[in-house]
Amino acid sequence: MKIISWNVNSIHARLPRVTALLARDQPDLVCLQEIKTTTGQFPAGDFAEIGYHSAVHGQAGRNGVAVLSRTALTDVASGFTDDPVPDQARVLSVTAGGLRFVNVYVVNGQAVGAAEYQLKLRWLDALTTWLRQAYQADSPLMVLGDFNVAPDDRDVYDPVAWRGRNLCSEPERSRIHALLDWGLTDLGRAGNPGPGPYTFWDYRQGAFHRGWGLRIDLALATAPVAARRTAVTVDRDQRKPTAGEGKPSDHAPLVVTLTENGR
């Protein structure tokens, strides 16, 4: 089973790249973040033409999440209990292939000490509380998406320069570790000592070509799902301006491969 998580930074801007990736890699399920469009404006018809069902929790601006699947999606739910910003489309949960997927787009935080940063910490606390209440740590669950947190120094190209800054501060990292302590496994780090692989490179200052990356797109899974992990890779070609059509997103797709259930 192949699962992809990708912050596309506008589904309309990235539509040719997304459809090309679907045709080439034929993933079973794709979680998209920052789609930047309303549910009604999401190009579900384009995906239906190539065999993908869509579930969308859309919003104009910088938010919005969606899931594409080769099989029908069930138990589709938007948001989560006690979300501090329920008017922001940041979480979409679906069931497919016997697994529960929670697609997340975490609040960015802007800068340590800012009001948005404090909101980010409250949001992550609320998400963790909800997950603990809604699911069992031994249920087949995957929580994946753009977490806007680099979990430790191996996930930053220059740990010294980034120490204490937004995306890399200890209060943010402690929230990710709380999820791991509950029973989730960071599939991208399992069996991979690092550094990297990175998933995000800023558009500015030639960050991608200089290797100035961060690993902030994560796939976390409960033990029954983690036991099925065979590979976790980053499709760096999708971050290259010379690959695909049009300008790339500032994130690259995170690709998770699992064995089929029971094998």
C-alpha atoms as a PDB file:
ATOM      1  CA  MET A   1       0.000   0.000   0.000  1.00  0.00           C
ATOM      2  CA  LYS A   2       1.482   3.323  -1.087  1.00  0.00           C
ATOM      3  CA  ILE A   3       0.514   6.491   0.789  1.00  0.00           C
ATOM      4  CA  ILE A   4       1.672  10.023  -0.040  1.00  0.00           C
ATOM      5  CA  SER A   5       1.501  13.193   2.037  1.00  0.00           C
ATOM      6  CA  TRP A   6       2.140  16.483   0.243  1.00  0.00           C
ATOM      7  CA  ASN A   7       1.723  20.144   1.117  1.00  0.00           C
ATOM      8  CA  VAL A   8       0.972  21.376  -2.386  1.00  0.00           C
ATOM      9  CA  ASN A   9       0.816  25.105  -1.571  1.00  0.00           C
ATOM     10  CA  SER A  10      -2.325  25.534  -3.771  1.00  0.00           C
ATOM     11  CA  ILE A  11      -3.956  22.605  -5.533  1.00  0.00           C
ATOM     12  CA  HIS A  12      -4.825  24.751  -8.532  1.00  0.00           C
ATOM     13  CA  ALA A  13      -1.206  25.853  -8.999  1.00  0.00           C
ATOM     14  CA  ARG A  14       0.032  22.296  -8.550  1.00  0.00           C
ATOM     15  CA  LEU A  15      -2.721  20.364 -10.366  1.00  0.00           C
ATOM     16  CA  PRO A  16      -0.551  19.244 -13.342  1.00  0.00           C
ATOM     17  CA  ARG A  17       2.137  17.978 -10.951  1.00  0.00           C
ATOM     18  CA  VAL A  18      -0.350  16.131  -8.746  1.00  0.00           C
ATOM     19  CA  THR A  19      -2.120  14.413 -11.636  1.00  0.00           C
ATOM     20  CA  ALA A  20       1.229  13.439 -13.170  1.00  0.00           C
ATOM     21  CA  LEU A  21       2.372  11.952  -9.849  1.00  0.00           C
ATOM     22  CA  LEU A  22      -0.862   9.955  -9.567  1.00  0.00           C
ATOM     23  CA  ALA A  23      -0.475   8.598 -13.084  1.00  0.00           C
ATOM     24  CA  ARG A  24       3.193   7.708 -12.584  1.00  0.00           C
ATOM     25  CA  ASP A  25       3.234   6.329  -9.023  1.00  0.00           C
ATOM     26  CA  GLN A  26      -0.392   5.185  -8.709  1.00  0.00           C
ATOM     27  CA  PRO A  27      -0.525   5.663  -4.920  1.00  0.00           C
ATOM     28  CA  ASP A  28      -3.415   4.113  -3.056  1.00  0.00           C
ATOM     29  CA  LEU A  29      -4.044   7.229  -0.971  1.00  0.00           C
ATOM     30  CA  VAL A  30      -2.795  10.820  -1.013  1.00  0.00           C
ATOM     31  CA  CYS A  31      -3.142  13.390   1.771  1.00  0.00           C
ATOM     32  CA  LEU A  32      -2.867  16.984   0.574  1.00  0.00           C
ATOM     33  CA  GLN A  33      -2.366  20.063   2.736  1.00  0.00           C
ATOM     34  CA  GLU A  34      -2.597  23.801   2.093  1.00  0.00           C
ATOM     35  CA  ILE A  35      -4.884  23.297  -0.886  1.00  0.00           C
ATOM     36  CA  LYS A  36      -5.902  26.983  -0.720  1.00  0.00           C
ATOM     37  CA  THR A  37      -9.370  26.516  -2.138  1.00  0.00           C
ATOM     38  CA  THR A  38     -12.916  25.962  -0.991  1.00  0.00           C
ATOM     39  CA  THR A  39     -14.492  22.531  -1.022  1.00  0.00           C
ATOM     40  CA  GLY A  40     -16.703  23.509  -3.948  1.00  0.00           C
ATOM     41  CA  GLN A  41     -13.757  24.774  -6.012  1.00  0.00           C
ATOM     42  CA  PHE A  42     -11.596  21.702  -5.440  1.00  0.00           C
ATOM     43  CA  PRO A  43     -10.887  19.924  -8.773  1.00  0.00           C
ATOM     44  CA  ALA A  44     -12.489  16.631  -7.713  1.00  0.00           C
ATOM     45  CA  GLY A  45     -13.651  16.000 -11.277  1.00  0.00           C
ATOM     46  CA  ASP A  46     -10.078  15.985 -12.578  1.00  0.00           C
ATOM     47  CA  PHE A  47      -9.171  13.296 -10.060  1.00  0.00           C
ATOM     48  CA  ALA A  48     -12.320  11.282 -10.674  1.00  0.00           C
ATOM     49  CA  GLU A  49     -11.374  11.062 -14.362  1.00  0.00           C
ATOM     50  CA  ILE A  50      -8.181   9.221 -13.432  1.00  0.00           C
ATOM     51  CA  GLY A  51      -9.821   6.942 -10.881  1.00  0.00           C
ATOM     52  CA  TYR A  52      -9.509   8.764  -7.554  1.00  0.00           C
ATOM     53  CA  HIS A  53     -12.207   9.495  -4.991  1.00  0.00           C
ATOM     54  CA  SER A  54     -11.909  12.809  -3.119  1.00  0.00           C
ATOM     55  CA  ALA A  55     -12.713  13.999   0.378  1.00  0.00           C
ATOM     56  CA  VAL A  56     -12.190  17.708   0.972  1.00  0.00           C
ATOM     57  CA  HIS A  57     -12.188  20.109   3.907  1.00  0.00           C
ATOM     58  CA  GLY A  58     -11.492  23.249   1.947  1.00  0.00           C
ATOM     59  CA  GLN A  59     -10.948  26.905   2.676  1.00  0.00           C
ATOM     60  CA  ALA A  60      -9.781  29.833   0.623  1.00  0.00           C
ATOM     61  CA  GLY A  61      -6.523  31.399   1.735  1.00  0.00           C
ATOM     62  CA  ARG A  62      -3.671  29.375   3.214  1.00  0.00           C
ATOM     63  CA  ASN A  63      -5.540  26.426   4.690  1.00  0.00           C
ATOM     64  CA  GLY A  64      -7.498  23.421   3.455  1.00  0.00           C
ATOM     65  CA  VAL A  65      -6.833  19.679   3.411  1.00  0.00           C
ATOM     66  CA  ALA A  66      -7.962  16.891   1.088  1.00  0.00           C
ATOM     67  CA  VAL A  67      -7.598  13.139   0.633  1.00  0.00           C
ATOM     68  CA  LEU A  68      -7.516  11.264  -2.674  1.00  0.00           C
ATOM     69  CA  SER A  69      -8.030   7.509  -2.759  1.00  0.00           C
ATOM     70  CA  ARG A  70      -8.271   4.752  -5.347  1.00  0.00           C
ATOM     71  CA  THR A  71     -10.936   3.100  -3.173  1.00  0.00           C
ATOM     72  CA  ALA A  72     -14.040   4.629  -1.633  1.00  0.00           C
ATOM     73  CA  LEU A  73     -13.503   6.682   1.516  1.00  0.00           C
ATOM     74  CA  THR A  74     -15.713   6.106   4.546  1.00  0.00           C
ATOM     75  CA  ASP A  75     -16.283   7.783   7.918  1.00  0.00           C
ATOM     76  CA  VAL A  76     -15.123  11.128   6.539  1.00  0.00           C
ATOM     77  CA  ALA A  77     -14.894  13.780   9.283  1.00  0.00           C
ATOM     78  CA  SER A  78     -13.639  17.366   9.264  1.00  0.00           C
ATOM     79  CA  GLY A  79     -11.901  19.045  12.181  1.00  0.00           C
ATOM     80  CA  PHE A  80     -11.571  17.695  15.707  1.00  0.00           C
ATOM     81  CA  THR A  81     -13.041  18.185  19.155  1.00  0.00           C
ATOM     82  CA  ASP A  82     -12.093  21.411  20.982  1.00  0.00           C
ATOM     83  CA  ASP A  83     -10.090  22.776  18.040  1.00  0.00           C
ATOM     84  CA  PRO A  84      -8.874  26.251  19.145  1.00  0.00           C
ATOM     85  CA  VAL A  85      -9.462  27.540  15.594  1.00  0.00           C
ATOM     86  CA  PRO A  86     -12.529  25.635  14.333  1.00  0.00           C
ATOM     87  CA  ASP A  87     -12.949  28.120  11.477  1.00  0.00           C
ATOM     88  CA  GLN A  88      -9.622  26.978   9.945  1.00  0.00           C
ATOM     89  CA  ALA A  89      -9.679  23.875   7.726  1.00  0.00           C
ATOM     90  CA  ARG A  90      -6.709  21.924   9.071  1.00  0.00           C
ATOM     91  CA  VAL A  91      -7.772  18.334   9.837  1.00  0.00           C
ATOM     92  CA  LEU A  92      -9.569  15.716   7.749  1.00  0.00           C
ATOM     93  CA  SER A  93     -10.049  12.098   8.871  1.00  0.00           C
ATOM     94  CA  VAL A  94     -10.997   9.188   6.613  1.00  0.00           C
ATOM     95  CA  THR A  95     -11.003   5.396   6.562  1.00  0.00           C
ATOM     96  CA  ALA A  96      -9.596   3.456   3.596  1.00  0.00           C
ATOM     97  CA  GLY A  97      -8.078   0.014   3.175  1.00  0.00           C
ATOM     98  CA  GLY A  98      -8.835  -0.894   6.777  1.00  0.00           C
ATOM     99  CA  LEU A  99      -6.800   2.056   8.143  1.00  0.00           C
ATOM    100  CA  ARG A 100      -7.843   5.305   9.766  1.00  0.00           C
ATOM    101  CA  PHE A 101      -5.998   8.320   8.380  1.00  0.00           C
ATOM    102  CA  VAL A 102      -5.877  11.736  10.049  1.00  0.00           C
ATOM    103  CA  ASN A 103      -4.569  14.342   7.597  1.00  0.00           C
ATOM    104  CA  VAL A 104      -3.227  17.392   9.455  1.00  0.00           C
ATOM    105  CA  TYR A 105      -1.981  20.851   8.564  1.00  0.00           C
ATOM    106  CA  VAL A 106      -0.558  22.256  11.790  1.00  0.00           C
ATOM    107  CA  VAL A 107      -0.651  25.976  12.599  1.00  0.00           C
ATOM    108  CA  ASN A 108       2.644  27.560  11.475  1.00  0.00           C
ATOM    109  CA  GLY A 109       3.422  29.651  14.556  1.00  0.00           C
ATOM    110  CA  GLN A 110       5.205  32.521  12.751  1.00  0.00           C
ATOM    111  CA  ALA A 111       7.749  33.285  15.498  1.00  0.00           C
ATOM    112  CA  VAL A 112       8.499  32.158  19.047  1.00  0.00           C
ATOM    113  CA  GLY A 113       6.589  34.396  21.443  1.00  0.00           C
ATOM    114  CA  ALA A 114       4.054  35.556  18.876  1.00  0.00           C
ATOM    115  CA  ALA A 115       0.330  35.049  19.467  1.00  0.00           C
ATOM    116  CA  GLU A 116       0.306  32.608  16.544  1.00  0.00           C
ATOM    117  CA  TYR A 117       3.042  30.587  18.249  1.00  0.00           C
ATOM    118  CA  GLN A 118       1.038  30.282  21.467  1.00  0.00           C
ATOM    119  CA  LEU A 119      -1.963  29.266  19.364  1.00  0.00           C
ATOM    120  CA  LYS A 120       0.173  26.590  17.696  1.00  0.00           C
ATOM    121  CA  LEU A 121       1.074  25.057  21.069  1.00  0.00           C
ATOM    122  CA  ARG A 122      -2.568  25.085  22.197  1.00  0.00           C
ATOM    123  CA  TRP A 123      -3.606  23.565  18.867  1.00  0.00           C
ATOM    124  CA  LEU A 124      -1.097  20.723  19.160  1.00  0.00           C
ATOM    125  CA  ASP A 125      -2.159  20.073  22.760  1.00  0.00           C
ATOM    126  CA  ALA A 126      -5.810  19.931  21.705  1.00  0.00           C
ATOM    127  CA  LEU A 127      -5.001  17.623  18.784  1.00  0.00           C
ATOM    128  CA  THR A 128      -3.107  15.239  21.075  1.00  0.00           C
ATOM    129  CA  THR A 129      -5.921  15.198  23.632  1.00  0.00           C
ATOM    130  CA  TRP A 130      -8.462  14.469  20.914  1.00  0.00           C
ATOM    131  CA  LEU A 131      -6.401  11.649  19.399  1.00  0.00           C
ATOM    132  CA  ARG A 132      -5.972  10.023  22.798  1.00  0.00           C
ATOM    133  CA  GLN A 133      -9.697  10.244  23.459  1.00  0.00           C
ATOM    134  CA  ALA A 134     -10.886   9.230  19.995  1.00  0.00           C
ATOM    135  CA  TYR A 135      -8.477   6.358  19.241  1.00  0.00           C
ATOM    136  CA  GLN A 136      -6.625   3.527  20.912  1.00  0.00           C
ATOM    137  CA  ALA A 137      -2.847   3.357  20.627  1.00  0.00           C
ATOM    138  CA  ASP A 138      -3.147  -0.187  19.256  1.00  0.00           C
ATOM    139  CA  SER A 139      -5.741   0.656  16.575  1.00  0.00           C
ATOM    140  CA  PRO A 140      -4.711   0.870  12.882  1.00  0.00           C
ATOM    141  CA  LEU A 141      -4.139   4.634  12.727  1.00  0.00           C
ATOM    142  CA  MET A 142      -1.871   6.961  10.766  1.00  0.00           C
ATOM    143  CA  VAL A 143      -1.549  10.696  11.511  1.00  0.00           C
ATOM    144  CA  LEU A 144       0.281  12.438   8.701  1.00  0.00           C
ATOM    145  CA  GLY A 145       0.750  15.788   7.057  1.00  0.00           C
ATOM    146  CA  ASP A 146       2.565  19.088   7.451  1.00  0.00           C
ATOM    147  CA  PHE A 147       3.333  19.356  11.172  1.00  0.00           C
ATOM    148  CA  ASN A 148       5.363  22.586  10.878  1.00  0.00           C
ATOM    149  CA  VAL A 149       7.757  21.118  13.454  1.00  0.00           C
ATOM    150  CA  ALA A 150      11.200  19.580  12.922  1.00  0.00           C
ATOM    151  CA  PRO A 151      11.205  16.922  15.691  1.00  0.00           C
ATOM    152  CA  ASP A 152      14.936  17.116  16.518  1.00  0.00           C
ATOM    153  CA  ASP A 153      18.274  18.465  15.309  1.00  0.00           C
ATOM    154  CA  ARG A 154      18.636  15.718  12.693  1.00  0.00           C
ATOM    155  CA  ASP A 155      15.677  17.280  10.918  1.00  0.00           C
ATOM    156  CA  VAL A 156      17.340  20.668  10.328  1.00  0.00           C
ATOM    157  CA  TYR A 157      20.161  21.502   7.926  1.00  0.00           C
ATOM    158  CA  ASP A 158      21.766  23.856  10.482  1.00  0.00           C
ATOM    159  CA  PRO A 159      20.669  22.975  14.021  1.00  0.00           C
ATOM    160  CA  VAL A 160      22.721  25.739  15.624  1.00  0.00           C
ATOM    161  CA  ALA A 161      21.247  28.493  13.463  1.00  0.00           C
ATOM    162  CA  TRP A 162      17.709  27.185  14.012  1.00  0.00           C
ATOM    163  CA  ARG A 163      17.947  26.405  17.716  1.00  0.00           C
ATOM    164  CA  GLY A 164      15.056  27.944  19.628  1.00  0.00           C
ATOM    165  CA  ARG A 165      13.346  29.315  16.523  1.00  0.00           C
ATOM    166  CA  ASN A 166       9.829  28.610  15.333  1.00  0.00           C
ATOM    167  CA  LEU A 167       9.573  25.119  13.757  1.00  0.00           C
ATOM    168  CA  CYS A 168      12.497  23.933  15.907  1.00  0.00           C
ATOM    169  CA  SER A 169      11.823  25.200  19.430  1.00  0.00           C
ATOM    170  CA  GLU A 170      11.682  22.791  22.369  1.00  0.00           C
ATOM    171  CA  PRO A 171       8.024  23.523  23.279  1.00  0.00           C
ATOM    172  CA  GLU A 172       6.965  22.541  19.743  1.00  0.00           C
ATOM    173  CA  ARG A 173       9.168  19.471  19.731  1.00  0.00           C
ATOM    174  CA  SER A 174       7.791  18.379  23.103  1.00  0.00           C
ATOM    175  CA  ARG A 175       4.316  18.261  21.535  1.00  0.00           C
ATOM    176  CA  ILE A 176       5.527  15.875  18.840  1.00  0.00           C
ATOM    177  CA  HIS A 177       7.230  13.723  21.459  1.00  0.00           C
ATOM    178  CA  ALA A 178       3.963  13.612  23.413  1.00  0.00           C
ATOM    179  CA  LEU A 179       2.361  11.966  20.382  1.00  0.00           C
ATOM    180  CA  LEU A 180       5.223   9.480  20.173  1.00  0.00           C
ATOM    181  CA  ASP A 181       5.003   8.769  23.902  1.00  0.00           C
ATOM    182  CA  TRP A 182       1.300   7.987  23.476  1.00  0.00           C
ATOM    183  CA  GLY A 183       2.196   5.211  21.065  1.00  0.00           C
ATOM    184  CA  LEU A 184       2.842   6.637  17.616  1.00  0.00           C
ATOM    185  CA  THR A 185       5.994   5.862  15.620  1.00  0.00           C
ATOM    186  CA  ASP A 186       7.681   8.413  13.365  1.00  0.00           C
ATOM    187  CA  LEU A 187       7.854   6.256  10.232  1.00  0.00           C
ATOM    188  CA  GLY A 188      10.317   8.565   8.496  1.00  0.00           C
ATOM    189  CA  ARG A 189      12.822   8.238  11.302  1.00  0.00           C
ATOM    190  CA  ALA A 190      12.343   4.526  12.050  1.00  0.00           C
ATOM    191  CA  GLY A 191      15.487   2.761  10.888  1.00  0.00           C
ATOM    192  CA  ASN A 192      16.906   6.009   9.513  1.00  0.00           C
ATOM    193  CA  PRO A 193      19.391   7.777  11.823  1.00  0.00           C
ATOM    194  CA  GLY A 194      19.479  10.925   9.674  1.00  0.00           C
ATOM    195  CA  PRO A 195      20.221  13.686   9.126  1.00  0.00           C
ATOM    196  CA  GLY A 196      17.150  14.285   6.977  1.00  0.00           C
ATOM    197  CA  PRO A 197      15.709  13.410   4.598  1.00  0.00           C
ATOM    198  CA  TYR A 198      14.254  16.901   4.364  1.00  0.00           C
ATOM    199  CA  THR A 199      10.784  17.643   3.003  1.00  0.00           C
ATOM    200  CA  PHE A 200      10.683  21.456   2.923  1.00  0.00           C
ATOM    201  CA  TRP A 201      12.966  24.083   1.417  1.00  0.00           C
ATOM    202  CA  ASP A 202      12.061  27.777   1.449  1.00  0.00           C
ATOM    203  CA  TYR A 203      11.607  29.442  -1.934  1.00  0.00           C
ATOM    204  CA  ARG A 204      14.031  32.190  -0.898  1.00  0.00           C
ATOM    205  CA  GLN A 205      17.831  32.359  -1.122  1.00  0.00           C
ATOM    206  CA  GLY A 206      18.136  29.252  -3.303  1.00  0.00           C
ATOM    207  CA  ALA A 207      17.450  27.083  -0.260  1.00  0.00           C
ATOM    208  CA  PHE A 208      16.753  23.910  -2.234  1.00  0.00           C
ATOM    209  CA  HIS A 209      19.948  24.061  -4.266  1.00  0.00           C
ATOM    210  CA  ARG A 210      21.968  24.882  -1.134  1.00  0.00           C
ATOM    211  CA  GLY A 211      20.492  21.966   0.774  1.00  0.00           C
ATOM    212  CA  TRP A 212      18.856  24.213   3.364  1.00  0.00           C
ATOM    213  CA  GLY A 213      16.033  21.852   4.204  1.00  0.00           C
ATOM    214  CA  LEU A 214      13.816  20.898   7.130  1.00  0.00           C
ATOM    215  CA  ARG A 215      11.911  17.697   7.838  1.00  0.00           C
ATOM    216  CA  ILE A 216       8.515  19.011   8.910  1.00  0.00           C
ATOM    217  CA  ASP A 217       6.223  16.666   6.947  1.00  0.00           C
ATOM    218  CA  LEU A 218       5.689  13.560   9.044  1.00  0.00           C
ATOM    219  CA  ALA A 219       3.881  10.231   8.989  1.00  0.00           C
ATOM    220  CA  LEU A 220       3.149   8.956  12.491  1.00  0.00           C
ATOM    221  CA  ALA A 221       1.545   5.558  13.007  1.00  0.00           C
ATOM    222  CA  THR A 222       0.400   3.176  15.704  1.00  0.00           C
ATOM    223  CA  ALA A 223       2.269  -0.096  16.209  1.00  0.00           C
ATOM    224  CA  PRO A 224       0.045  -2.244  13.939  1.00  0.00           C
ATOM    225  CA  VAL A 225       0.707   0.140  11.049  1.00  0.00           C
ATOM    226  CA  ALA A 226       4.372   0.736  11.851  1.00  0.00           C
ATOM    227  CA  ALA A 227       4.927  -3.034  11.696  1.00  0.00           C
ATOM    228  CA  ARG A 228       3.840  -2.934   8.048  1.00  0.00           C
ATOM    229  CA  ARG A 229       6.325  -0.221   7.031  1.00  0.00           C
ATOM    230  CA  THR A 230       8.641  -1.232   4.197  1.00  0.00           C
ATOM    231  CA  ALA A 231       9.908   2.176   2.978  1.00  0.00           C
ATOM    232  CA  VAL A 232       9.615   5.912   3.576  1.00  0.00           C
ATOM    233  CA  THR A 233      11.086   8.222   0.949  1.00  0.00           C
ATOM    234  CA  VAL A 234      10.916  11.836  -0.180  1.00  0.00           C
ATOM    235  CA  ASP A 235      10.233  12.566  -3.848  1.00  0.00           C
ATOM    236  CA  ARG A 236      12.759  15.399  -4.181  1.00  0.00           C
ATOM    237  CA  ASP A 237      12.177  15.649  -7.937  1.00  0.00           C
ATOM    238  CA  GLN A 238       8.844  17.325  -7.222  1.00  0.00           C
ATOM    239  CA  ARG A 239      10.689  20.182  -5.491  1.00  0.00           C
ATOM    240  CA  LYS A 240      12.900  20.816  -8.538  1.00  0.00           C
ATOM    241  CA  PRO A 241      11.873  23.673 -10.828  1.00  0.00           C
ATOM    242  CA  THR A 242      13.114  21.573 -13.758  1.00  0.00           C
ATOM    243  CA  ALA A 243      10.839  18.604 -12.954  1.00  0.00           C
ATOM    244  CA  GLY A 244       7.149  18.566 -13.736  1.00  0.00           C
ATOM    245  CA  GLU A 245       5.004  21.398 -15.000  1.00  0.00           C
ATOM    246  CA  GLY A 246       4.999  24.887 -13.562  1.00  0.00           C
ATOM    247  CA  LYS A 247       6.556  26.106 -10.333  1.00  0.00           C
ATOM    248  CA  PRO A 248       6.988  23.441  -7.639  1.00  0.00           C
ATOM    249  CA  SER A 249       5.593  23.570  -4.132  1.00  0.00           C
ATOM    250  CA  ASP A 250       8.092  24.418  -1.401  1.00  0.00           C
ATOM    251  CA  HIS A 251       7.407  20.920   0.004  1.00  0.00           C
ATOM    252  CA  ALA A 252       8.230  17.566  -1.565  1.00  0.00           C
ATOM    253  CA  PRO A 253       5.909  14.546  -1.303  1.00  0.00           C
ATOM    254  CA  LEU A 254       6.513  12.144   1.558  1.00  0.00           C
ATOM    255  CA  VAL A 255       5.970   8.580   0.304  1.00  0.00           C
ATOM    256  CA  VAL A 256       5.155   5.727   2.700  1.00  0.00           C
ATOM    257  CA  THR A 257       4.947   2.115   1.563  1.00  0.00           C
ATOM    258  CA  LEU A 258       3.253  -0.531   3.704  1.00  0.00           C
ATOM    259  CA  THR A 259       2.835  -4.247   3.202  1.00  0.00           C
ATOM    260  CA  GLU A 260      -0.703  -5.351   2.534  1.00  0.00           C
ATOM    261  CA  ASN A 261      -2.610  -6.113   5.709  1.00  0.00           C
ATOM    262  CA  GLY A 262      -1.697  -9.537   7.013  1.00  0.00           C
ATOM    263  CA  ARG A 263       1.383  -9.908   4.801  1.00  0.00           C
END
